[in-house]
N, C-alpha and C. Protein backbone atom coordinates (compact mmCIF):
# COMPACT_ATOMS: atom_id res chain seq x y z
N MET A 1 -3.77 41.49 -11.32
CA MET A 1 -4.40 42.14 -12.43
C MET A 1 -5.59 42.96 -11.93
N HIS A 2 -6.29 42.44 -10.94
CA HIS A 2 -7.42 43.16 -10.36
C HIS A 2 -6.94 44.48 -9.76
N LYS A 3 -5.77 44.44 -9.15
CA LYS A 3 -5.19 45.62 -8.53
C LYS A 3 -4.94 46.70 -9.58
N LEU A 4 -4.44 46.27 -10.73
CA LEU A 4 -4.16 47.23 -11.80
C LEU A 4 -5.45 47.83 -12.33
N THR A 5 -6.45 47.01 -12.48
CA THR A 5 -7.74 47.49 -12.98
C THR A 5 -8.33 48.49 -12.00
N SER A 6 -8.23 48.16 -10.72
CA SER A 6 -8.78 49.09 -9.73
C SER A 6 -7.96 50.38 -9.69
N ASN A 7 -6.63 50.29 -9.89
CA ASN A 7 -5.79 51.50 -9.95
C ASN A 7 -6.19 52.37 -11.13
N LEU A 8 -6.43 51.72 -12.29
CA LEU A 8 -6.86 52.48 -13.48
C LEU A 8 -8.23 53.10 -13.23
N GLY A 9 -9.11 52.35 -12.61
CA GLY A 9 -10.45 52.87 -12.31
C GLY A 9 -10.37 54.05 -11.36
N ASN A 10 -9.53 53.94 -10.33
CA ASN A 10 -9.34 55.03 -9.38
C ASN A 10 -8.76 56.25 -10.07
N ALA A 11 -7.82 55.99 -10.98
CA ALA A 11 -7.19 57.11 -11.70
C ALA A 11 -8.23 57.81 -12.57
N ASN A 12 -9.10 57.05 -13.24
CA ASN A 12 -10.15 57.65 -14.07
C ASN A 12 -11.11 58.46 -13.22
N LYS A 13 -11.48 57.92 -12.05
CA LYS A 13 -12.39 58.64 -11.15
C LYS A 13 -11.77 59.95 -10.69
N LYS A 14 -10.49 59.91 -10.36
CA LYS A 14 -9.80 61.13 -9.92
C LYS A 14 -9.80 62.17 -11.04
N LEU A 15 -9.53 61.70 -12.28
CA LEU A 15 -9.49 62.62 -13.41
C LEU A 15 -10.86 63.24 -13.63
N GLN A 16 -11.92 62.43 -13.54
CA GLN A 16 -13.27 62.97 -13.71
C GLN A 16 -13.59 63.96 -12.59
N GLN A 17 -13.21 63.61 -11.38
CA GLN A 17 -13.45 64.50 -10.24
C GLN A 17 -12.71 65.81 -10.43
N GLN A 18 -11.48 65.71 -10.88
CA GLN A 18 -10.70 66.93 -11.08
C GLN A 18 -11.28 67.77 -12.22
N ASN A 19 -11.79 67.09 -13.25
CA ASN A 19 -12.43 67.83 -14.34
C ASN A 19 -13.67 68.56 -13.82
N ARG A 20 -14.46 67.88 -12.98
CA ARG A 20 -15.64 68.52 -12.39
C ARG A 20 -15.21 69.69 -11.51
N ASN A 21 -14.17 69.43 -10.72
CA ASN A 21 -13.67 70.48 -9.84
C ASN A 21 -13.19 71.68 -10.64
N SER A 22 -12.51 71.37 -11.75
CA SER A 22 -12.00 72.49 -12.54
C SER A 22 -13.14 73.26 -13.17
N ILE A 23 -14.21 72.56 -13.57
CA ILE A 23 -15.38 73.25 -14.13
C ILE A 23 -16.05 74.06 -13.04
N ASP A 24 -16.15 73.44 -11.84
CA ASP A 24 -16.76 74.15 -10.71
C ASP A 24 -15.93 75.37 -10.35
N THR A 25 -14.63 75.21 -10.40
CA THR A 25 -13.76 76.34 -10.03
C THR A 25 -13.82 77.44 -11.07
N GLN A 26 -14.02 77.05 -12.30
CA GLN A 26 -14.11 78.08 -13.34
C GLN A 26 -15.43 78.83 -13.22
N THR A 27 -16.49 78.14 -12.83
CA THR A 27 -17.80 78.79 -12.73
C THR A 27 -17.92 79.61 -11.45
N THR A 28 -17.20 79.22 -10.42
CA THR A 28 -17.25 79.98 -9.18
C THR A 28 -16.24 81.11 -9.27
N ILE A 29 -16.71 82.29 -9.27
CA ILE A 29 -15.83 83.43 -9.47
C ILE A 29 -15.16 83.83 -8.18
N SER A 30 -15.84 83.68 -7.06
CA SER A 30 -15.27 84.14 -5.81
C SER A 30 -14.07 83.32 -5.41
N ASP A 31 -14.10 81.98 -5.65
CA ASP A 31 -12.99 81.11 -5.27
C ASP A 31 -12.11 80.80 -6.46
N ALA A 32 -12.28 81.43 -7.54
CA ALA A 32 -11.59 81.07 -8.77
C ALA A 32 -10.12 81.37 -8.67
N PRO A 33 -9.29 80.30 -8.76
CA PRO A 33 -7.86 80.54 -8.81
C PRO A 33 -7.48 81.00 -10.21
N SER A 34 -6.31 81.31 -10.37
CA SER A 34 -5.87 81.78 -11.68
C SER A 34 -5.84 80.64 -12.66
N LYS A 35 -5.94 80.98 -13.96
CA LYS A 35 -5.95 79.98 -15.01
C LYS A 35 -4.68 79.18 -15.01
N ASN A 36 -3.58 79.78 -14.76
CA ASN A 36 -2.29 79.09 -14.76
C ASN A 36 -2.23 78.07 -13.62
N GLN A 37 -2.80 78.48 -12.50
CA GLN A 37 -2.79 77.59 -11.36
C GLN A 37 -3.65 76.36 -11.64
N CYS A 38 -4.82 76.54 -12.26
CA CYS A 38 -5.70 75.41 -12.61
C CYS A 38 -5.03 74.52 -13.63
N CYS A 39 -4.43 75.13 -14.62
CA CYS A 39 -3.77 74.33 -15.65
C CYS A 39 -2.60 73.57 -15.06
N GLY A 40 -1.92 74.18 -14.13
CA GLY A 40 -0.80 73.51 -13.48
C GLY A 40 -1.28 72.32 -12.66
N MET A 41 -2.40 72.49 -11.96
CA MET A 41 -2.95 71.39 -11.16
C MET A 41 -3.43 70.26 -12.08
N GLN A 42 -4.08 70.68 -13.16
CA GLN A 42 -4.55 69.67 -14.11
C GLN A 42 -3.37 68.93 -14.73
N GLN A 43 -2.33 69.68 -15.07
CA GLN A 43 -1.15 69.06 -15.67
C GLN A 43 -0.50 68.10 -14.69
N THR A 44 -0.42 68.51 -13.42
CA THR A 44 0.15 67.64 -12.39
C THR A 44 -0.70 66.38 -12.27
N CYS A 45 -2.00 66.57 -12.27
CA CYS A 45 -2.90 65.43 -12.16
C CYS A 45 -2.77 64.52 -13.38
N ILE A 46 -2.69 65.11 -14.55
CA ILE A 46 -2.52 64.33 -15.78
C ILE A 46 -1.20 63.59 -15.74
N ASP A 47 -0.16 64.28 -15.29
CA ASP A 47 1.15 63.62 -15.19
C ASP A 47 1.10 62.43 -14.22
N GLN A 48 0.42 62.65 -13.10
CA GLN A 48 0.30 61.56 -12.12
C GLN A 48 -0.48 60.38 -12.71
N LEU A 49 -1.56 60.72 -13.42
CA LEU A 49 -2.37 59.67 -14.04
C LEU A 49 -1.58 58.93 -15.11
N GLN A 50 -0.81 59.70 -15.90
CA GLN A 50 0.01 59.06 -16.93
C GLN A 50 1.06 58.15 -16.28
N GLN A 51 1.63 58.63 -15.17
CA GLN A 51 2.62 57.82 -14.45
C GLN A 51 1.96 56.54 -13.91
N GLN A 52 0.76 56.71 -13.34
CA GLN A 52 0.03 55.54 -12.84
C GLN A 52 -0.30 54.58 -13.98
N LEU A 53 -0.70 55.17 -15.13
CA LEU A 53 -1.02 54.35 -16.30
C LEU A 53 0.22 53.62 -16.78
N GLN A 54 1.35 54.31 -16.81
CA GLN A 54 2.61 53.68 -17.22
C GLN A 54 2.99 52.57 -16.25
N ASN A 55 2.87 52.84 -14.95
CA ASN A 55 3.16 51.83 -13.94
C ASN A 55 2.23 50.62 -14.09
N ALA A 56 0.95 50.92 -14.35
CA ALA A 56 -0.02 49.84 -14.53
C ALA A 56 0.34 49.00 -15.75
N LYS A 57 0.73 49.67 -16.86
CA LYS A 57 1.14 48.94 -18.07
C LYS A 57 2.34 48.07 -17.80
N GLU A 58 3.33 48.62 -17.09
CA GLU A 58 4.53 47.85 -16.76
C GLU A 58 4.18 46.65 -15.86
N GLU A 59 3.29 46.91 -14.90
CA GLU A 59 2.87 45.83 -14.01
C GLU A 59 2.12 44.75 -14.79
N LEU A 60 1.24 45.18 -15.71
CA LEU A 60 0.52 44.22 -16.55
C LEU A 60 1.48 43.44 -17.42
N LYS A 61 2.46 44.12 -17.99
CA LYS A 61 3.46 43.45 -18.84
C LYS A 61 4.23 42.43 -18.02
N LYS A 62 4.63 42.86 -16.80
CA LYS A 62 5.37 41.95 -15.90
C LYS A 62 4.51 40.74 -15.55
N GLN A 63 3.24 40.99 -15.22
CA GLN A 63 2.33 39.89 -14.89
C GLN A 63 2.09 38.99 -16.10
N ALA A 64 2.00 39.59 -17.29
CA ALA A 64 1.81 38.80 -18.51
C ALA A 64 3.01 37.90 -18.74
N GLU A 65 4.22 38.45 -18.52
CA GLU A 65 5.43 37.64 -18.68
C GLU A 65 5.45 36.50 -17.65
N GLU A 66 5.10 36.83 -16.40
CA GLU A 66 5.06 35.80 -15.36
C GLU A 66 4.01 34.74 -15.72
N HIS A 67 2.87 35.22 -16.21
CA HIS A 67 1.80 34.29 -16.61
C HIS A 67 2.28 33.39 -17.75
N GLU A 68 2.98 33.98 -18.70
CA GLU A 68 3.50 33.19 -19.83
C GLU A 68 4.52 32.17 -19.33
N ASP A 69 5.39 32.59 -18.40
CA ASP A 69 6.37 31.66 -17.81
C ASP A 69 5.65 30.52 -17.09
N GLU A 70 4.60 30.88 -16.34
CA GLU A 70 3.82 29.85 -15.63
C GLU A 70 3.16 28.90 -16.62
N LYS A 71 2.60 29.47 -17.72
CA LYS A 71 1.98 28.62 -18.74
C LYS A 71 3.00 27.68 -19.34
N GLU A 72 4.19 28.19 -19.63
CA GLU A 72 5.25 27.35 -20.21
C GLU A 72 5.66 26.25 -19.23
N ALA A 73 5.79 26.62 -17.94
CA ALA A 73 6.14 25.62 -16.92
C ALA A 73 5.04 24.56 -16.83
N LEU A 74 3.78 25.00 -16.87
CA LEU A 74 2.67 24.05 -16.82
C LEU A 74 2.64 23.16 -18.05
N ARG A 75 2.92 23.74 -19.23
CA ARG A 75 2.98 22.92 -20.45
C ARG A 75 4.06 21.85 -20.31
N SER A 76 5.23 22.29 -19.80
CA SER A 76 6.33 21.34 -19.61
C SER A 76 5.93 20.24 -18.62
N GLU A 77 5.29 20.65 -17.54
CA GLU A 77 4.86 19.68 -16.53
C GLU A 77 3.81 18.73 -17.11
N ILE A 78 2.89 19.26 -17.91
CA ILE A 78 1.87 18.42 -18.55
C ILE A 78 2.53 17.42 -19.48
N LYS A 79 3.53 17.89 -20.23
CA LYS A 79 4.26 17.00 -21.14
C LYS A 79 4.94 15.88 -20.36
N GLN A 80 5.59 16.24 -19.23
CA GLN A 80 6.24 15.22 -18.39
C GLN A 80 5.21 14.25 -17.83
N LEU A 81 4.08 14.78 -17.37
CA LEU A 81 3.04 13.92 -16.81
C LEU A 81 2.46 12.98 -17.87
N LYS A 82 2.31 13.49 -19.10
CA LYS A 82 1.83 12.62 -20.18
C LYS A 82 2.83 11.51 -20.45
N GLY A 83 4.14 11.88 -20.43
CA GLY A 83 5.18 10.86 -20.60
C GLY A 83 5.12 9.81 -19.50
N LEU A 84 4.97 10.27 -18.26
CA LEU A 84 4.85 9.33 -17.14
C LEU A 84 3.61 8.46 -17.27
N LYS A 85 2.52 9.08 -17.74
CA LYS A 85 1.28 8.32 -17.93
C LYS A 85 1.50 7.22 -18.96
N GLU A 86 2.15 7.57 -20.07
CA GLU A 86 2.42 6.56 -21.10
C GLU A 86 3.31 5.45 -20.56
N GLN A 87 4.34 5.84 -19.78
CA GLN A 87 5.23 4.83 -19.18
C GLN A 87 4.43 3.92 -18.24
N ASN A 88 3.58 4.53 -17.42
CA ASN A 88 2.79 3.74 -16.47
C ASN A 88 1.80 2.83 -17.20
N GLU A 89 1.21 3.34 -18.29
CA GLU A 89 0.30 2.50 -19.07
C GLU A 89 1.06 1.33 -19.68
N GLU A 90 2.28 1.59 -20.16
CA GLU A 90 3.09 0.52 -20.73
C GLU A 90 3.46 -0.50 -19.65
N LYS A 91 3.84 0.00 -18.47
CA LYS A 91 4.15 -0.91 -17.36
C LYS A 91 2.92 -1.73 -16.99
N LEU A 92 1.76 -1.07 -16.97
CA LEU A 92 0.52 -1.76 -16.64
C LEU A 92 0.23 -2.86 -17.65
N MET A 93 0.41 -2.55 -18.93
CA MET A 93 0.18 -3.56 -19.97
C MET A 93 1.15 -4.73 -19.79
N ASN A 94 2.43 -4.42 -19.50
CA ASN A 94 3.42 -5.48 -19.29
C ASN A 94 3.05 -6.33 -18.08
N LEU A 95 2.62 -5.67 -17.00
CA LEU A 95 2.24 -6.42 -15.80
C LEU A 95 1.00 -7.28 -16.05
N GLU A 96 0.04 -6.73 -16.81
CA GLU A 96 -1.15 -7.52 -17.13
C GLU A 96 -0.77 -8.73 -17.98
N LYS A 97 0.13 -8.52 -18.95
CA LYS A 97 0.58 -9.63 -19.79
C LYS A 97 1.29 -10.67 -18.94
N GLU A 98 2.17 -10.19 -18.04
CA GLU A 98 2.90 -11.11 -17.16
C GLU A 98 1.93 -11.87 -16.26
N LEU A 99 0.92 -11.16 -15.76
CA LEU A 99 -0.09 -11.80 -14.90
C LEU A 99 -0.85 -12.87 -15.68
N ASN A 100 -1.26 -12.53 -16.90
CA ASN A 100 -1.98 -13.51 -17.72
C ASN A 100 -1.10 -14.71 -18.05
N ASP A 101 0.18 -14.45 -18.36
CA ASP A 101 1.10 -15.56 -18.63
C ASP A 101 1.27 -16.44 -17.40
N THR A 102 1.39 -15.79 -16.24
CA THR A 102 1.55 -16.54 -14.99
C THR A 102 0.29 -17.36 -14.71
N LYS A 103 -0.88 -16.75 -14.94
CA LYS A 103 -2.13 -17.48 -14.74
C LYS A 103 -2.19 -18.70 -15.66
N ALA A 104 -1.85 -18.47 -16.94
CA ALA A 104 -1.89 -19.58 -17.90
C ALA A 104 -0.93 -20.68 -17.49
N SER A 105 0.27 -20.29 -17.07
CA SER A 105 1.27 -21.27 -16.64
C SER A 105 0.77 -22.02 -15.41
N TYR A 106 0.19 -21.30 -14.47
CA TYR A 106 -0.33 -21.91 -13.25
C TYR A 106 -1.46 -22.88 -13.58
N ILE A 107 -2.36 -22.46 -14.48
CA ILE A 107 -3.47 -23.33 -14.88
C ILE A 107 -2.93 -24.58 -15.55
N GLU A 108 -1.91 -24.40 -16.40
CA GLU A 108 -1.29 -25.55 -17.08
C GLU A 108 -0.68 -26.51 -16.05
N LEU A 109 0.02 -25.94 -15.07
CA LEU A 109 0.61 -26.78 -14.01
C LEU A 109 -0.47 -27.52 -13.23
N LEU A 110 -1.56 -26.82 -12.95
CA LEU A 110 -2.67 -27.47 -12.23
C LEU A 110 -3.25 -28.62 -13.04
N GLU A 111 -3.42 -28.40 -14.33
CA GLU A 111 -3.95 -29.47 -15.19
C GLU A 111 -3.01 -30.67 -15.19
N GLU A 112 -1.70 -30.40 -15.31
CA GLU A 112 -0.72 -31.49 -15.28
C GLU A 112 -0.78 -32.22 -13.94
N GLN A 113 -0.89 -31.45 -12.86
CA GLN A 113 -0.96 -32.04 -11.53
C GLN A 113 -2.22 -32.90 -11.39
N LYS A 114 -3.34 -32.40 -11.94
CA LYS A 114 -4.58 -33.18 -11.90
C LYS A 114 -4.42 -34.49 -12.65
N LYS A 115 -3.78 -34.42 -13.83
CA LYS A 115 -3.55 -35.64 -14.61
C LYS A 115 -2.67 -36.61 -13.83
N GLU A 116 -1.59 -36.08 -13.24
CA GLU A 116 -0.70 -36.94 -12.45
C GLU A 116 -1.45 -37.55 -11.28
N ASN A 117 -2.26 -36.74 -10.60
CA ASN A 117 -3.05 -37.25 -9.47
C ASN A 117 -4.03 -38.32 -9.93
N ALA A 118 -4.65 -38.11 -11.10
CA ALA A 118 -5.58 -39.12 -11.64
C ALA A 118 -4.82 -40.41 -11.95
N ASN A 119 -3.63 -40.27 -12.55
CA ASN A 119 -2.82 -41.46 -12.85
C ASN A 119 -2.42 -42.19 -11.57
N ILE A 120 -2.02 -41.41 -10.57
CA ILE A 120 -1.62 -42.01 -9.28
C ILE A 120 -2.82 -42.71 -8.65
N THR A 121 -3.99 -42.06 -8.71
CA THR A 121 -5.20 -42.66 -8.14
C THR A 121 -5.53 -43.97 -8.86
N GLN A 122 -5.44 -43.95 -10.19
CA GLN A 122 -5.70 -45.17 -10.95
C GLN A 122 -4.69 -46.26 -10.58
N ALA A 123 -3.41 -45.87 -10.47
CA ALA A 123 -2.38 -46.85 -10.11
C ALA A 123 -2.65 -47.42 -8.72
N LEU A 124 -3.05 -46.55 -7.78
CA LEU A 124 -3.37 -47.02 -6.43
C LEU A 124 -4.57 -47.97 -6.45
N GLN A 125 -5.59 -47.63 -7.23
CA GLN A 125 -6.76 -48.51 -7.33
C GLN A 125 -6.36 -49.85 -7.92
N LYS A 126 -5.54 -49.80 -8.97
CA LYS A 126 -5.09 -51.04 -9.60
C LYS A 126 -4.26 -51.86 -8.61
N ALA A 127 -3.37 -51.17 -7.88
CA ALA A 127 -2.54 -51.86 -6.88
C ALA A 127 -3.42 -52.47 -5.79
N GLU A 128 -4.46 -51.75 -5.39
CA GLU A 128 -5.38 -52.26 -4.37
C GLU A 128 -6.12 -53.49 -4.90
N GLU A 129 -6.54 -53.42 -6.16
CA GLU A 129 -7.22 -54.58 -6.76
C GLU A 129 -6.27 -55.77 -6.83
N GLU A 130 -5.03 -55.51 -7.24
CA GLU A 130 -4.04 -56.59 -7.31
C GLU A 130 -3.77 -57.17 -5.93
N LYS A 131 -3.69 -56.28 -4.93
CA LYS A 131 -3.47 -56.72 -3.56
C LYS A 131 -4.62 -57.63 -3.12
N THR A 132 -5.85 -57.18 -3.40
CA THR A 132 -7.02 -57.98 -3.04
C THR A 132 -6.98 -59.33 -3.75
N SER A 133 -6.64 -59.28 -5.04
CA SER A 133 -6.55 -60.52 -5.82
C SER A 133 -5.46 -61.43 -5.26
N LEU A 134 -4.29 -60.84 -4.94
CA LEU A 134 -3.18 -61.63 -4.38
C LEU A 134 -3.54 -62.21 -3.01
N LEU A 135 -4.22 -61.40 -2.19
CA LEU A 135 -4.64 -61.90 -0.88
C LEU A 135 -5.62 -63.06 -1.05
N LYS A 136 -6.52 -62.93 -2.01
CA LYS A 136 -7.47 -64.00 -2.28
C LYS A 136 -6.74 -65.25 -2.76
N THR A 137 -5.80 -65.04 -3.69
CA THR A 137 -5.02 -66.17 -4.20
C THR A 137 -4.21 -66.80 -3.09
N LEU A 138 -3.60 -65.96 -2.24
CA LEU A 138 -2.81 -66.45 -1.11
C LEU A 138 -3.68 -67.26 -0.16
N LYS A 139 -4.87 -66.75 0.12
CA LYS A 139 -5.78 -67.48 1.01
C LYS A 139 -6.16 -68.81 0.37
N GLU A 140 -6.46 -68.75 -0.93
CA GLU A 140 -6.79 -70.00 -1.62
C GLU A 140 -5.62 -70.97 -1.56
N GLN A 141 -4.41 -70.44 -1.75
CA GLN A 141 -3.21 -71.29 -1.70
C GLN A 141 -3.03 -71.87 -0.30
N GLU A 142 -3.23 -71.01 0.73
CA GLU A 142 -3.12 -71.50 2.10
C GLU A 142 -4.17 -72.58 2.36
N ASP A 143 -5.38 -72.30 1.88
CA ASP A 143 -6.45 -73.31 2.04
C ASP A 143 -6.07 -74.61 1.32
N MET A 144 -5.51 -74.45 0.13
CA MET A 144 -5.10 -75.65 -0.62
C MET A 144 -3.97 -76.39 0.10
N GLU A 145 -3.01 -75.61 0.65
CA GLU A 145 -1.90 -76.24 1.38
C GLU A 145 -2.44 -76.96 2.60
N LYS A 146 -3.38 -76.30 3.29
CA LYS A 146 -3.99 -76.93 4.45
C LYS A 146 -4.70 -78.21 4.02
N ARG A 147 -5.45 -78.09 2.96
CA ARG A 147 -6.18 -79.26 2.45
C ARG A 147 -5.19 -80.34 2.01
N LEU A 148 -4.08 -79.90 1.38
CA LEU A 148 -3.05 -80.84 0.96
C LEU A 148 -2.44 -81.54 2.17
N GLU A 149 -2.17 -80.75 3.22
CA GLU A 149 -1.63 -81.35 4.45
C GLU A 149 -2.62 -82.35 5.02
N GLU A 150 -3.88 -81.93 5.03
CA GLU A 150 -4.91 -82.84 5.55
C GLU A 150 -4.97 -84.12 4.71
N LEU A 151 -4.95 -83.90 3.39
CA LEU A 151 -4.99 -85.08 2.51
C LEU A 151 -3.74 -85.92 2.67
N THR A 152 -2.59 -85.24 2.79
CA THR A 152 -1.34 -85.97 2.99
C THR A 152 -1.41 -86.74 4.30
N SER A 153 -1.93 -86.09 5.30
CA SER A 153 -2.08 -86.75 6.60
C SER A 153 -3.02 -87.95 6.47
N ILE A 154 -4.10 -87.75 5.77
CA ILE A 154 -5.05 -88.85 5.58
C ILE A 154 -4.39 -89.98 4.79
N ILE A 155 -3.67 -89.59 3.74
CA ILE A 155 -2.98 -90.61 2.93
C ILE A 155 -1.97 -91.35 3.79
N ASN A 156 -1.21 -90.63 4.58
CA ASN A 156 -0.22 -91.25 5.47
C ASN A 156 -0.91 -92.20 6.44
N GLU A 157 -2.00 -91.74 7.00
CA GLU A 157 -2.74 -92.60 7.92
C GLU A 157 -3.24 -93.85 7.19
N LEU A 158 -3.75 -93.61 6.00
CA LEU A 158 -4.25 -94.76 5.22
C LEU A 158 -3.11 -95.70 4.87
N GLU A 159 -1.99 -95.13 4.51
CA GLU A 159 -0.83 -95.98 4.19
C GLU A 159 -0.38 -96.73 5.43
N GLN A 160 -0.39 -96.06 6.55
CA GLN A 160 0.00 -96.74 7.79
C GLN A 160 -1.00 -97.84 8.12
N GLU A 161 -2.23 -97.51 7.97
CA GLU A 161 -3.25 -98.53 8.23
C GLU A 161 -3.08 -99.69 7.26
N SER A 162 -2.81 -99.33 6.04
CA SER A 162 -2.63 -100.37 5.04
C SER A 162 -1.41 -101.22 5.39
N GLU A 163 -0.35 -100.59 5.83
CA GLU A 163 0.85 -101.31 6.24
C GLU A 163 0.54 -102.18 7.46
N GLU A 164 -0.16 -101.62 8.36
CA GLU A 164 -0.50 -102.37 9.56
C GLU A 164 -1.40 -103.55 9.18
N ARG A 165 -2.25 -103.37 8.30
CA ARG A 165 -3.12 -104.46 7.87
C ARG A 165 -2.28 -105.52 7.16
N LYS A 166 -1.39 -105.00 6.37
CA LYS A 166 -0.54 -105.97 5.67
C LYS A 166 0.27 -106.75 6.69
N ARG A 167 0.78 -106.14 7.67
CA ARG A 167 1.57 -106.83 8.68
C ARG A 167 0.69 -107.78 9.50
N SER A 168 -0.45 -107.24 9.80
CA SER A 168 -1.31 -108.12 10.58
C SER A 168 -1.84 -109.26 9.71
N CYS A 169 -1.87 -109.09 8.51
CA CYS A 169 -2.39 -110.11 7.62
C CYS A 169 -1.26 -110.82 6.90
N TRP A 170 -0.13 -110.79 7.28
CA TRP A 170 0.96 -111.43 6.53
C TRP A 170 0.86 -112.94 6.57
N PRO A 171 0.31 -113.46 7.66
CA PRO A 171 0.15 -114.90 7.55
C PRO A 171 -0.93 -115.25 6.56
N PHE A 172 -1.92 -114.42 6.56
CA PHE A 172 -2.98 -114.70 5.64
C PHE A 172 -2.47 -114.60 4.21
N ARG A 173 -1.64 -113.69 3.99
CA ARG A 173 -1.07 -113.52 2.66
C ARG A 173 -0.03 -114.60 2.41
N PHE A 174 0.54 -114.93 3.42
CA PHE A 174 1.58 -115.92 3.27
C PHE A 174 0.99 -117.27 2.86
N PHE A 175 -0.15 -117.56 3.42
CA PHE A 175 -0.78 -118.83 3.13
C PHE A 175 -1.77 -118.74 2.00
N SER A 176 -1.98 -117.61 1.53
CA SER A 176 -2.95 -117.54 0.48
C SER A 176 -2.36 -117.59 -0.87
């Protein structure tokens, strides 16, 4: 478009220059060409300028059409990009929802795991307490069995002694 403007500007400058030249040529009598020759030159110049103007108009029209085509292509591209943006925003929302659901599910699983771990810990503590209690009871039972054996042994010894006394004293009993 700048090229066309400069062409039009150049054409206007040429026309002004030729007008000045024609005035100068009319005022200068010694170099004055004939009126027909000046009019012919002016007409040729006008024709050239009109042709340049017509070419410039056609070029501007062609550029305007190209510009309009470019604008339409850009509008179409903008429309496609807006559609892609909406799709991407929808995908983003879906992914965020999925992420939040996954987080919630994971947190729920962690809470369940914590509860299970707490239950297992309590069961282990209870089992440990029962083990300690059973070991204590077992030790007490072993102690009692040992004591029972000792007492049984003592009783057996006493019974033997008593038997021996009875045997040794049988005459005494016999005569008494």
